């Protein structure tokens, strides 16, 4: 079951949506390979519905105080795998790449959102709600940078691919502001970010 396909030029968000195998983002990037969903970990993420299971995950996480680091037990409960400890452990280890017995909640939630069934617009709306730390309905540059970095790192761990560099993520964050002529010390709206993501994915 293929979820990603070939691309021409890419920002990290496009790479997250389309491939994760492009080493350099932007107009210099030339090619990406399709990634195939086949492991039980990948298929678990794909089986979720954005507006049902994933929405409930995000709601529960926020009601629990939005912890940034998740222990094995917290992770298992969040991804609804209390009845399947073996799969929960596999998924946890995929994210716990530094083996510190904690995983990044932003990476887990970002991967859950991107791999679930749903439209790009709905996925951007879900991501926006997670990373709108100030609750203003707008994202500043740092929030966009954290969003894009979390998306790329989360999916890279699910698929075992190297993520884009921090510099590439920063460049994509700049592009999301530049395309609307928004200074980096200002904020972008959810609609501006959606338009940028939609154009980037469809370009």
N, C-alpha and C. Protein backbone atom coordinates (compact mmCIF):
# COMPACT_ATOMS: atom_id res chain seq x y z
N UNK A 1 0.86 -1.18 0.00
CA UNK A 1 0.00 0.00 0.00
C UNK A 1 0.89 1.23 0.00
N UNK A 2 0.90 1.98 -1.09
CA UNK A 2 1.79 3.14 -1.20
C UNK A 2 1.06 4.40 -0.75
N UNK A 3 1.68 5.13 0.18
CA UNK A 3 1.08 6.38 0.61
C UNK A 3 1.82 7.56 0.03
N UNK A 4 3.11 7.38 -0.31
CA UNK A 4 3.91 8.46 -0.85
C UNK A 4 4.31 8.14 -2.28
N UNK A 5 4.68 9.15 -3.03
CA UNK A 5 5.08 8.92 -4.40
C UNK A 5 6.18 9.86 -4.81
N UNK A 6 6.57 9.87 -6.09
CA UNK A 6 7.67 10.70 -6.55
C UNK A 6 7.33 12.17 -6.51
N UNK A 7 8.35 13.00 -6.37
CA UNK A 7 8.15 14.44 -6.33
C UNK A 7 9.25 15.14 -7.10
N UNK A 8 9.01 16.39 -7.46
CA UNK A 8 10.01 17.17 -8.16
C UNK A 8 10.82 17.99 -7.18
N UNK A 9 10.27 19.09 -6.65
CA UNK A 9 10.99 19.91 -5.68
C UNK A 9 10.24 19.85 -4.37
N UNK A 10 10.97 20.01 -3.27
CA UNK A 10 10.35 19.72 -1.99
C UNK A 10 10.81 20.63 -0.87
N UNK A 11 9.89 20.95 0.01
CA UNK A 11 10.22 21.48 1.32
C UNK A 11 10.12 20.30 2.27
N UNK A 12 10.57 20.43 3.52
CA UNK A 12 10.42 19.31 4.45
C UNK A 12 8.97 18.86 4.62
N UNK A 13 8.00 19.81 4.57
CA UNK A 13 6.62 19.37 4.71
C UNK A 13 6.22 18.50 3.54
N UNK A 14 6.63 18.90 2.33
CA UNK A 14 6.30 18.07 1.16
C UNK A 14 7.00 16.73 1.26
N UNK A 15 8.24 16.73 1.71
CA UNK A 15 8.96 15.48 1.88
C UNK A 15 8.24 14.59 2.89
N UNK A 16 7.74 15.20 3.96
CA UNK A 16 6.99 14.43 4.96
C UNK A 16 5.74 13.83 4.35
N UNK A 17 5.10 14.57 3.47
CA UNK A 17 3.88 14.07 2.84
C UNK A 17 4.16 13.14 1.68
N UNK A 18 5.32 13.30 1.05
CA UNK A 18 5.56 12.59 -0.19
C UNK A 18 6.70 11.59 -0.17
N UNK A 19 7.70 11.76 0.72
CA UNK A 19 8.77 10.79 0.59
C UNK A 19 9.79 10.66 1.67
N UNK A 20 10.34 11.73 2.20
CA UNK A 20 11.38 11.72 3.22
C UNK A 20 12.73 11.20 2.73
N UNK A 21 12.88 10.93 1.45
CA UNK A 21 14.16 10.41 0.99
C UNK A 21 14.95 11.43 0.19
N UNK A 22 14.48 12.69 0.14
CA UNK A 22 15.22 13.74 -0.55
C UNK A 22 16.19 14.38 0.45
N UNK A 23 17.51 14.33 0.20
CA UNK A 23 18.47 14.86 1.16
C UNK A 23 18.53 16.37 1.22
N UNK A 24 18.17 17.05 0.12
CA UNK A 24 18.23 18.51 0.08
C UNK A 24 16.87 19.04 -0.33
N UNK A 25 16.34 20.01 0.47
CA UNK A 25 15.02 20.53 0.18
C UNK A 25 15.12 21.74 -0.73
N UNK A 26 13.95 22.20 -1.21
CA UNK A 26 13.91 23.40 -2.02
C UNK A 26 14.05 23.06 -3.49
N UNK A 27 14.29 24.09 -4.31
CA UNK A 27 14.32 23.89 -5.75
C UNK A 27 15.46 22.99 -6.21
N UNK A 28 16.47 22.82 -5.35
CA UNK A 28 17.60 21.97 -5.74
C UNK A 28 17.26 20.50 -5.64
N UNK A 29 16.22 20.18 -4.87
CA UNK A 29 15.86 18.77 -4.74
C UNK A 29 15.29 18.27 -6.05
N UNK A 30 15.61 17.03 -6.38
CA UNK A 30 15.22 16.57 -7.71
C UNK A 30 14.37 15.32 -7.72
N UNK A 31 14.49 14.48 -6.72
CA UNK A 31 13.83 13.19 -6.86
C UNK A 31 13.55 12.57 -5.50
N UNK A 32 12.44 11.85 -5.39
CA UNK A 32 12.10 11.11 -4.18
C UNK A 32 11.59 9.75 -4.59
N UNK A 33 11.78 8.78 -3.72
CA UNK A 33 11.29 7.44 -4.00
C UNK A 33 10.01 7.18 -3.22
N UNK A 34 9.15 6.34 -3.75
CA UNK A 34 7.92 6.01 -3.05
C UNK A 34 8.23 5.24 -1.78
N UNK A 35 7.49 5.54 -0.75
CA UNK A 35 7.60 4.78 0.50
C UNK A 35 6.37 3.92 0.61
N UNK A 36 6.57 2.69 0.98
CA UNK A 36 5.47 1.73 1.03
C UNK A 36 5.15 1.38 2.48
N UNK A 37 3.87 1.46 2.80
CA UNK A 37 3.42 1.07 4.14
C UNK A 37 3.29 -0.44 4.18
N UNK A 38 4.10 -1.07 5.03
CA UNK A 38 4.01 -2.54 5.08
C UNK A 38 4.22 -3.11 6.48
N UNK A 39 4.93 -2.42 7.38
CA UNK A 39 5.15 -2.98 8.71
C UNK A 39 3.90 -2.81 9.55
N UNK A 40 3.80 -3.59 10.62
CA UNK A 40 2.62 -3.48 11.48
C UNK A 40 2.54 -2.12 12.15
N UNK A 41 3.71 -1.52 12.44
CA UNK A 41 3.72 -0.18 13.02
C UNK A 41 3.13 0.83 12.04
N UNK A 42 3.60 0.79 10.80
CA UNK A 42 3.10 1.72 9.78
C UNK A 42 1.62 1.51 9.51
N UNK A 43 1.21 0.27 9.44
CA UNK A 43 -0.19 -0.02 9.14
C UNK A 43 -1.11 0.40 10.28
N UNK A 44 -0.60 0.36 11.52
CA UNK A 44 -1.41 0.82 12.65
C UNK A 44 -1.72 2.30 12.50
N UNK A 45 -0.73 3.09 12.12
CA UNK A 45 -0.96 4.51 11.92
C UNK A 45 -1.93 4.74 10.77
N UNK A 46 -1.77 4.00 9.68
CA UNK A 46 -2.63 4.19 8.51
C UNK A 46 -4.08 3.82 8.80
N UNK A 47 -4.30 2.88 9.70
CA UNK A 47 -5.65 2.40 9.99
C UNK A 47 -6.49 3.43 10.75
N UNK A 48 -5.83 4.43 11.34
CA UNK A 48 -6.55 5.41 12.15
C UNK A 48 -7.27 6.43 11.27
N UNK A 49 -8.38 6.92 11.77
CA UNK A 49 -9.14 7.97 11.10
C UNK A 49 -8.83 9.30 11.79
N UNK A 50 -8.49 10.30 10.99
CA UNK A 50 -8.06 11.59 11.54
C UNK A 50 -9.09 12.21 12.46
N UNK A 51 -10.35 12.18 12.05
CA UNK A 51 -11.39 12.86 12.81
C UNK A 51 -11.96 12.00 13.94
N UNK A 52 -11.52 10.77 14.03
CA UNK A 52 -12.00 9.90 15.11
C UNK A 52 -10.85 9.57 16.06
N UNK A 53 -10.11 8.51 15.75
CA UNK A 53 -9.05 8.05 16.67
C UNK A 53 -8.00 9.12 16.93
N UNK A 54 -7.53 9.77 15.88
CA UNK A 54 -6.45 10.75 16.06
C UNK A 54 -6.97 11.98 16.80
N UNK A 55 -8.16 12.43 16.49
CA UNK A 55 -8.75 13.57 17.20
C UNK A 55 -8.89 13.27 18.68
N UNK A 56 -9.27 12.03 19.00
CA UNK A 56 -9.38 11.63 20.41
C UNK A 56 -8.02 11.60 21.08
N UNK A 57 -7.00 11.14 20.36
CA UNK A 57 -5.64 11.13 20.89
C UNK A 57 -5.19 12.54 21.26
N UNK A 58 -5.38 13.47 20.34
CA UNK A 58 -4.95 14.85 20.57
C UNK A 58 -5.72 15.46 21.74
N UNK A 59 -7.01 15.20 21.80
CA UNK A 59 -7.83 15.72 22.89
C UNK A 59 -7.36 15.18 24.23
N UNK A 60 -7.12 13.88 24.30
CA UNK A 60 -6.66 13.26 25.55
C UNK A 60 -5.31 13.82 25.98
N UNK A 61 -4.41 13.98 24.99
CA UNK A 61 -3.07 14.52 25.28
C UNK A 61 -3.17 15.93 25.84
N UNK A 62 -4.02 16.76 25.25
CA UNK A 62 -4.17 18.13 25.73
C UNK A 62 -4.82 18.16 27.11
N UNK A 63 -5.79 17.29 27.34
CA UNK A 63 -6.45 17.26 28.64
C UNK A 63 -5.53 16.74 29.74
N UNK A 64 -4.51 15.97 29.35
CA UNK A 64 -3.53 15.47 30.32
C UNK A 64 -2.42 16.49 30.58
N UNK A 65 -2.56 17.68 30.03
CA UNK A 65 -1.57 18.71 30.27
C UNK A 65 -0.55 18.86 29.15
N UNK A 66 -0.76 18.20 28.02
CA UNK A 66 0.12 18.26 26.87
C UNK A 66 1.58 17.97 27.22
N UNK A 67 1.85 16.80 27.84
CA UNK A 67 3.24 16.47 28.18
C UNK A 67 4.10 16.31 26.93
N UNK A 68 5.31 16.83 26.98
CA UNK A 68 6.20 16.75 25.82
C UNK A 68 6.90 15.41 25.71
N UNK A 69 7.23 14.81 26.86
CA UNK A 69 7.88 13.51 26.88
C UNK A 69 6.91 12.44 27.34
N UNK A 70 6.84 11.35 26.59
CA UNK A 70 5.91 10.27 26.91
C UNK A 70 6.68 9.02 27.33
N UNK A 71 6.33 8.47 28.49
CA UNK A 71 6.89 7.20 28.93
C UNK A 71 6.21 6.08 28.15
N UNK A 72 6.68 4.87 28.34
CA UNK A 72 6.08 3.73 27.65
C UNK A 72 4.60 3.62 27.98
N UNK A 73 4.26 3.73 29.25
CA UNK A 73 2.86 3.61 29.66
C UNK A 73 2.01 4.74 29.09
N UNK A 74 2.52 5.95 29.14
CA UNK A 74 1.79 7.09 28.60
C UNK A 74 1.58 6.94 27.10
N UNK A 75 2.61 6.50 26.41
CA UNK A 75 2.54 6.30 24.97
C UNK A 75 1.52 5.21 24.63
N UNK A 76 1.60 4.09 25.34
CA UNK A 76 0.70 2.96 25.09
C UNK A 76 -0.75 3.37 25.26
N UNK A 77 -1.03 4.15 26.29
CA UNK A 77 -2.39 4.63 26.52
C UNK A 77 -2.83 5.60 25.44
N UNK A 78 -1.91 6.49 25.05
CA UNK A 78 -2.25 7.51 24.05
C UNK A 78 -2.60 6.89 22.70
N UNK A 79 -1.86 5.87 22.28
CA UNK A 79 -2.11 5.27 20.96
C UNK A 79 -3.10 4.11 21.03
N UNK A 80 -3.74 3.97 22.17
CA UNK A 80 -4.82 2.98 22.35
C UNK A 80 -4.35 1.55 22.12
N UNK A 81 -3.21 1.20 22.71
CA UNK A 81 -2.68 -0.15 22.51
C UNK A 81 -2.48 -0.89 23.83
N UNK A 82 -3.30 -0.59 24.81
CA UNK A 82 -3.19 -1.28 26.09
C UNK A 82 -3.40 -2.78 25.96
N UNK A 83 -4.16 -3.19 24.94
CA UNK A 83 -4.44 -4.61 24.76
C UNK A 83 -3.44 -5.28 23.83
N UNK A 84 -2.44 -4.54 23.36
CA UNK A 84 -1.45 -5.10 22.45
C UNK A 84 -0.07 -4.57 22.83
N UNK A 85 0.46 -5.11 23.91
CA UNK A 85 1.73 -4.63 24.44
C UNK A 85 2.88 -4.83 23.45
N UNK A 86 2.85 -5.89 22.67
CA UNK A 86 3.93 -6.16 21.73
C UNK A 86 4.02 -5.07 20.66
N UNK A 87 2.88 -4.72 20.07
CA UNK A 87 2.87 -3.68 19.05
C UNK A 87 3.20 -2.32 19.68
N UNK A 88 2.68 -2.07 20.86
CA UNK A 88 2.97 -0.81 21.55
C UNK A 88 4.47 -0.64 21.77
N UNK A 89 5.13 -1.72 22.15
CA UNK A 89 6.57 -1.67 22.39
C UNK A 89 7.33 -1.42 21.09
N UNK A 90 6.89 -2.06 20.01
CA UNK A 90 7.52 -1.84 18.70
C UNK A 90 7.41 -0.38 18.29
N UNK A 91 6.22 0.16 18.47
CA UNK A 91 6.00 1.55 18.09
C UNK A 91 6.82 2.49 18.96
N UNK A 92 6.87 2.20 20.25
CA UNK A 92 7.63 3.05 21.16
C UNK A 92 9.11 3.05 20.78
N UNK A 93 9.65 1.88 20.49
CA UNK A 93 11.06 1.78 20.13
C UNK A 93 11.37 2.50 18.82
N UNK A 94 10.39 2.55 17.92
CA UNK A 94 10.60 3.27 16.67
C UNK A 94 10.85 4.75 16.92
N UNK A 95 10.17 5.30 17.93
CA UNK A 95 10.32 6.72 18.26
C UNK A 95 11.44 6.99 19.26
N UNK A 96 11.74 6.01 20.10
CA UNK A 96 12.76 6.21 21.14
C UNK A 96 14.15 5.91 20.57
N UNK A 97 14.57 6.72 19.62
CA UNK A 97 15.84 6.44 18.93
C UNK A 97 17.06 6.73 19.80
N UNK A 98 16.90 7.56 20.82
CA UNK A 98 18.04 7.81 21.71
C UNK A 98 18.01 6.92 22.95
N UNK A 99 17.02 6.01 22.99
CA UNK A 99 16.93 4.99 24.05
C UNK A 99 16.93 5.57 25.46
N UNK A 100 16.19 6.65 25.64
CA UNK A 100 16.09 7.25 26.98
C UNK A 100 14.77 6.95 27.67
N UNK A 101 14.01 6.01 27.09
CA UNK A 101 12.72 5.58 27.64
C UNK A 101 11.67 6.69 27.63
N UNK A 102 11.86 7.66 26.75
CA UNK A 102 10.88 8.73 26.55
C UNK A 102 10.78 8.99 25.05
N UNK A 103 9.57 9.33 24.59
CA UNK A 103 9.42 9.70 23.19
C UNK A 103 8.79 11.08 23.11
N UNK A 104 9.06 11.77 22.02
CA UNK A 104 8.58 13.13 21.81
C UNK A 104 7.11 13.10 21.39
N UNK A 105 6.25 13.72 22.19
CA UNK A 105 4.81 13.71 21.89
C UNK A 105 4.51 14.40 20.57
N UNK A 106 5.25 15.47 20.25
CA UNK A 106 5.02 16.17 18.99
C UNK A 106 5.28 15.27 17.80
N UNK A 107 6.33 14.46 17.88
CA UNK A 107 6.66 13.55 16.78
C UNK A 107 5.59 12.48 16.63
N UNK A 108 5.14 11.93 17.75
CA UNK A 108 4.11 10.88 17.73
C UNK A 108 2.81 11.41 17.16
N UNK A 109 2.38 12.57 17.65
CA UNK A 109 1.12 13.14 17.18
C UNK A 109 1.21 13.58 15.73
N UNK A 110 2.35 14.14 15.33
CA UNK A 110 2.51 14.56 13.94
C UNK A 110 2.42 13.38 12.98
N UNK A 111 3.11 12.30 13.32
CA UNK A 111 3.06 11.10 12.48
C UNK A 111 1.64 10.54 12.45
N UNK A 112 0.97 10.55 13.58
CA UNK A 112 -0.40 10.05 13.65
C UNK A 112 -1.32 10.85 12.74
N UNK A 113 -1.17 12.16 12.76
CA UNK A 113 -2.00 13.04 11.92
C UNK A 113 -1.71 12.81 10.45
N UNK A 114 -0.44 12.81 10.07
CA UNK A 114 -0.08 12.72 8.65
C UNK A 114 -0.42 11.37 8.03
N UNK A 115 -0.33 10.29 8.81
CA UNK A 115 -0.55 8.95 8.25
C UNK A 115 -2.00 8.49 8.33
N UNK A 116 -2.82 9.17 9.11
CA UNK A 116 -4.22 8.79 9.23
C UNK A 116 -4.98 9.14 7.96
N UNK A 117 -6.14 8.55 7.80
CA UNK A 117 -6.99 8.88 6.66
C UNK A 117 -7.61 10.25 6.88
N UNK A 118 -7.52 11.10 5.85
CA UNK A 118 -8.05 12.45 5.97
C UNK A 118 -7.45 13.34 4.89
N UNK A 119 -8.02 14.52 4.70
CA UNK A 119 -7.55 15.43 3.67
C UNK A 119 -6.37 16.25 4.18
N UNK A 120 -5.61 16.83 3.24
CA UNK A 120 -4.50 17.70 3.62
C UNK A 120 -5.01 18.87 4.46
N UNK A 121 -6.16 19.43 4.08
CA UNK A 121 -6.71 20.55 4.84
C UNK A 121 -7.02 20.15 6.28
N UNK A 122 -7.64 18.99 6.45
CA UNK A 122 -7.98 18.54 7.80
C UNK A 122 -6.73 18.21 8.60
N UNK A 123 -5.71 17.67 7.92
CA UNK A 123 -4.47 17.34 8.62
C UNK A 123 -3.75 18.61 9.06
N UNK A 124 -3.75 19.64 8.22
CA UNK A 124 -3.14 20.90 8.60
C UNK A 124 -3.91 21.53 9.76
N UNK A 125 -5.22 21.41 9.76
CA UNK A 125 -6.04 21.94 10.86
C UNK A 125 -5.68 21.24 12.17
N UNK A 126 -5.51 19.92 12.11
CA UNK A 126 -5.16 19.17 13.31
C UNK A 126 -3.77 19.55 13.81
N UNK A 127 -2.82 19.68 12.89
CA UNK A 127 -1.46 20.08 13.28
C UNK A 127 -1.46 21.48 13.87
N UNK A 128 -2.24 22.36 13.27
CA UNK A 128 -2.31 23.74 13.75
C UNK A 128 -2.76 23.78 15.20
N UNK A 129 -3.76 22.97 15.52
CA UNK A 129 -4.29 22.95 16.89
C UNK A 129 -3.24 22.46 17.90
N UNK A 130 -2.36 21.56 17.45
CA UNK A 130 -1.33 21.03 18.34
C UNK A 130 -0.24 22.06 18.59
N UNK A 131 0.14 22.81 17.55
CA UNK A 131 1.31 23.68 17.64
C UNK A 131 0.96 25.16 17.86
N UNK A 132 -0.30 25.47 18.00
CA UNK A 132 -0.71 26.84 18.34
C UNK A 132 -0.59 27.02 19.85
N UNK A 133 0.65 27.13 20.32
CA UNK A 133 0.92 27.13 21.75
C UNK A 133 0.26 28.30 22.48
N UNK A 134 0.15 29.42 21.81
CA UNK A 134 -0.43 30.61 22.46
C UNK A 134 -1.94 30.66 22.36
N UNK A 135 -2.53 29.78 21.54
CA UNK A 135 -3.98 29.73 21.40
C UNK A 135 -4.56 30.94 20.70
N UNK A 136 -3.78 31.59 19.84
CA UNK A 136 -4.24 32.80 19.15
C UNK A 136 -4.89 32.51 17.81
N UNK A 137 -4.80 31.28 17.35
CA UNK A 137 -5.30 30.97 16.02
C UNK A 137 -4.30 31.33 14.94
N UNK A 138 -3.08 31.65 15.34
CA UNK A 138 -2.00 31.99 14.41
C UNK A 138 -0.72 31.35 14.92
N UNK A 139 0.25 31.14 14.02
CA UNK A 139 1.53 30.55 14.41
C UNK A 139 2.65 31.52 14.14
N UNK A 140 3.56 31.66 15.12
CA UNK A 140 4.75 32.46 14.86
C UNK A 140 5.80 31.58 14.20
N UNK A 141 6.95 32.19 13.87
CA UNK A 141 7.96 31.46 13.12
C UNK A 141 8.46 30.23 13.88
N UNK A 142 8.71 30.37 15.17
CA UNK A 142 9.21 29.24 15.96
C UNK A 142 8.21 28.10 16.00
N UNK A 143 6.91 28.43 16.09
CA UNK A 143 5.88 27.39 16.13
C UNK A 143 5.82 26.64 14.80
N UNK A 144 5.93 27.36 13.69
CA UNK A 144 5.94 26.70 12.38
C UNK A 144 7.17 25.82 12.25
N UNK A 145 8.31 26.30 12.72
CA UNK A 145 9.55 25.53 12.64
C UNK A 145 9.45 24.25 13.47
N UNK A 146 8.87 24.34 14.64
CA UNK A 146 8.68 23.16 15.49
C UNK A 146 7.70 22.19 14.84
N UNK A 147 6.64 22.72 14.24
CA UNK A 147 5.65 21.88 13.55
C UNK A 147 6.32 21.08 12.43
N UNK A 148 7.03 21.79 11.55
CA UNK A 148 7.65 21.11 10.41
C UNK A 148 8.72 20.12 10.85
N UNK A 149 9.51 20.50 11.84
CA UNK A 149 10.53 19.59 12.34
C UNK A 149 9.94 18.34 12.95
N UNK A 150 8.85 18.50 13.70
CA UNK A 150 8.20 17.35 14.34
C UNK A 150 7.60 16.42 13.31
N UNK A 151 6.97 16.99 12.28
CA UNK A 151 6.41 16.18 11.20
C UNK A 151 7.49 15.34 10.54
N UNK A 152 8.60 15.98 10.19
CA UNK A 152 9.66 15.27 9.47
C UNK A 152 10.34 14.22 10.34
N UNK A 153 10.63 14.57 11.59
CA UNK A 153 11.28 13.59 12.48
C UNK A 153 10.34 12.44 12.81
N UNK A 154 9.07 12.75 13.04
CA UNK A 154 8.12 11.69 13.37
C UNK A 154 7.98 10.68 12.26
N UNK A 155 7.80 11.18 11.02
CA UNK A 155 7.64 10.25 9.90
C UNK A 155 8.94 9.55 9.56
N UNK A 156 10.07 10.23 9.75
CA UNK A 156 11.34 9.57 9.46
C UNK A 156 11.55 8.38 10.38
N UNK A 157 11.07 8.48 11.62
CA UNK A 157 11.22 7.37 12.56
C UNK A 157 10.28 6.22 12.22
N UNK A 158 9.08 6.54 11.78
CA UNK A 158 8.13 5.50 11.39
C UNK A 158 8.65 4.71 10.19
N UNK A 159 9.30 5.41 9.26
CA UNK A 159 9.75 4.77 8.03
C UNK A 159 11.23 4.42 8.02
N UNK A 160 11.95 4.78 9.09
CA UNK A 160 13.37 4.44 9.14
C UNK A 160 14.20 5.21 8.13
N UNK A 161 13.79 6.44 7.80
CA UNK A 161 14.51 7.28 6.85
C UNK A 161 15.19 8.43 7.58
N UNK A 162 16.32 8.92 7.07
CA UNK A 162 16.94 10.09 7.69
C UNK A 162 16.07 11.32 7.47
N UNK A 163 15.86 12.12 8.49
CA UNK A 163 15.04 13.33 8.34
C UNK A 163 15.81 14.44 7.65
N UNK A 164 15.12 15.44 7.13
CA UNK A 164 15.81 16.61 6.58
C UNK A 164 16.63 17.28 7.69
N UNK A 165 17.64 18.03 7.31
CA UNK A 165 18.47 18.72 8.30
C UNK A 165 17.70 19.87 8.94
N UNK A 166 18.19 20.35 10.08
CA UNK A 166 17.56 21.49 10.73
C UNK A 166 17.55 22.70 9.81
N UNK A 167 18.62 22.85 9.04
CA UNK A 167 18.70 23.98 8.10
C UNK A 167 17.61 23.90 7.04
N UNK A 168 17.33 22.68 6.56
CA UNK A 168 16.28 22.49 5.57
C UNK A 168 14.91 22.82 6.15
N UNK A 169 14.69 22.44 7.40
CA UNK A 169 13.41 22.72 8.05
C UNK A 169 13.23 24.22 8.22
N UNK A 170 14.29 24.90 8.64
CA UNK A 170 14.23 26.35 8.79
C UNK A 170 13.92 27.01 7.45
N UNK A 171 14.54 26.52 6.38
CA UNK A 171 14.30 27.07 5.06
C UNK A 171 12.83 26.90 4.66
N UNK A 172 12.25 25.76 4.96
CA UNK A 172 10.83 25.53 4.65
C UNK A 172 9.95 26.46 5.47
N UNK A 173 10.32 26.68 6.74
CA UNK A 173 9.57 27.60 7.58
C UNK A 173 9.60 29.00 6.98
N UNK A 174 10.75 29.40 6.48
CA UNK A 174 10.88 30.70 5.83
C UNK A 174 9.99 30.78 4.58
N UNK A 175 9.96 29.67 3.83
CA UNK A 175 9.14 29.66 2.62
C UNK A 175 7.66 29.85 2.95
N UNK A 176 7.22 29.26 4.06
CA UNK A 176 5.81 29.38 4.44
C UNK A 176 5.44 30.81 4.78
N UNK A 177 6.40 31.59 5.25
CA UNK A 177 6.18 33.01 5.52
C UNK A 177 6.38 33.84 4.25
N UNK A 178 7.44 33.51 3.50
CA UNK A 178 7.78 34.29 2.30
C UNK A 178 6.67 34.26 1.27
N UNK A 179 6.00 33.11 1.12
CA UNK A 179 4.98 33.01 0.07
C UNK A 179 3.79 33.91 0.33
N UNK A 180 3.66 34.40 1.57
CA UNK A 180 2.58 35.35 1.91
C UNK A 180 3.14 36.72 2.27
N UNK A 181 4.44 36.91 2.01
CA UNK A 181 5.09 38.19 2.32
C UNK A 181 4.92 38.59 3.78
N UNK A 182 5.01 37.59 4.65
CA UNK A 182 4.89 37.84 6.09
C UNK A 182 6.29 37.89 6.71
N UNK A 183 6.64 38.96 7.42
CA UNK A 183 7.96 39.03 8.09
C UNK A 183 8.09 37.90 9.11
N UNK A 184 9.32 37.47 9.35
CA UNK A 184 9.54 36.34 10.24
C UNK A 184 9.21 36.66 11.70
N UNK A 185 9.10 37.94 12.04
CA UNK A 185 8.75 38.29 13.42
C UNK A 185 7.25 38.48 13.60
N UNK A 186 6.47 38.15 12.55
CA UNK A 186 5.01 38.21 12.63
C UNK A 186 4.45 36.79 12.68
N UNK A 187 3.17 36.64 12.39
CA UNK A 187 2.54 35.32 12.46
C UNK A 187 1.80 35.00 11.17
N UNK A 188 1.59 33.69 10.92
CA UNK A 188 0.77 33.26 9.79
C UNK A 188 -0.53 32.67 10.32
N UNK A 189 -1.58 32.83 9.56
CA UNK A 189 -2.87 32.28 9.95
C UNK A 189 -2.97 30.83 9.53
N UNK A 190 -3.96 30.15 10.04
CA UNK A 190 -4.16 28.75 9.65
C UNK A 190 -4.46 28.66 8.15
N UNK A 191 -5.21 29.62 7.61
CA UNK A 191 -5.52 29.58 6.19
C UNK A 191 -4.28 29.80 5.34
N UNK A 192 -3.38 30.68 5.77
CA UNK A 192 -2.15 30.89 5.03
C UNK A 192 -1.28 29.64 5.05
N UNK A 193 -1.20 28.99 6.20
CA UNK A 193 -0.40 27.77 6.29
C UNK A 193 -1.02 26.65 5.46
N UNK A 194 -2.34 26.57 5.46
CA UNK A 194 -3.02 25.56 4.64
C UNK A 194 -2.76 25.80 3.17
N UNK A 195 -2.83 27.06 2.73
CA UNK A 195 -2.60 27.37 1.32
C UNK A 195 -1.18 27.03 0.92
N UNK A 196 -0.23 27.35 1.80
CA UNK A 196 1.16 27.02 1.50
C UNK A 196 1.35 25.51 1.40
N UNK A 197 0.80 24.77 2.36
CA UNK A 197 0.95 23.32 2.36
C UNK A 197 0.26 22.71 1.14
N UNK A 198 -0.92 23.20 0.82
CA UNK A 198 -1.65 22.66 -0.33
C UNK A 198 -0.88 22.91 -1.63
N UNK A 199 -0.36 24.12 -1.78
CA UNK A 199 0.41 24.45 -2.98
C UNK A 199 1.70 23.63 -3.02
N UNK A 200 2.34 23.45 -1.87
CA UNK A 200 3.61 22.73 -1.82
C UNK A 200 3.41 21.26 -2.15
N UNK A 201 2.32 20.68 -1.67
CA UNK A 201 2.05 19.25 -1.92
C UNK A 201 1.63 19.03 -3.36
N UNK A 202 0.87 20.01 -3.93
CA UNK A 202 0.35 19.80 -5.28
C UNK A 202 1.27 20.32 -6.37
N UNK A 203 2.29 21.10 -5.98
CA UNK A 203 3.18 21.71 -6.97
C UNK A 203 3.94 20.66 -7.77
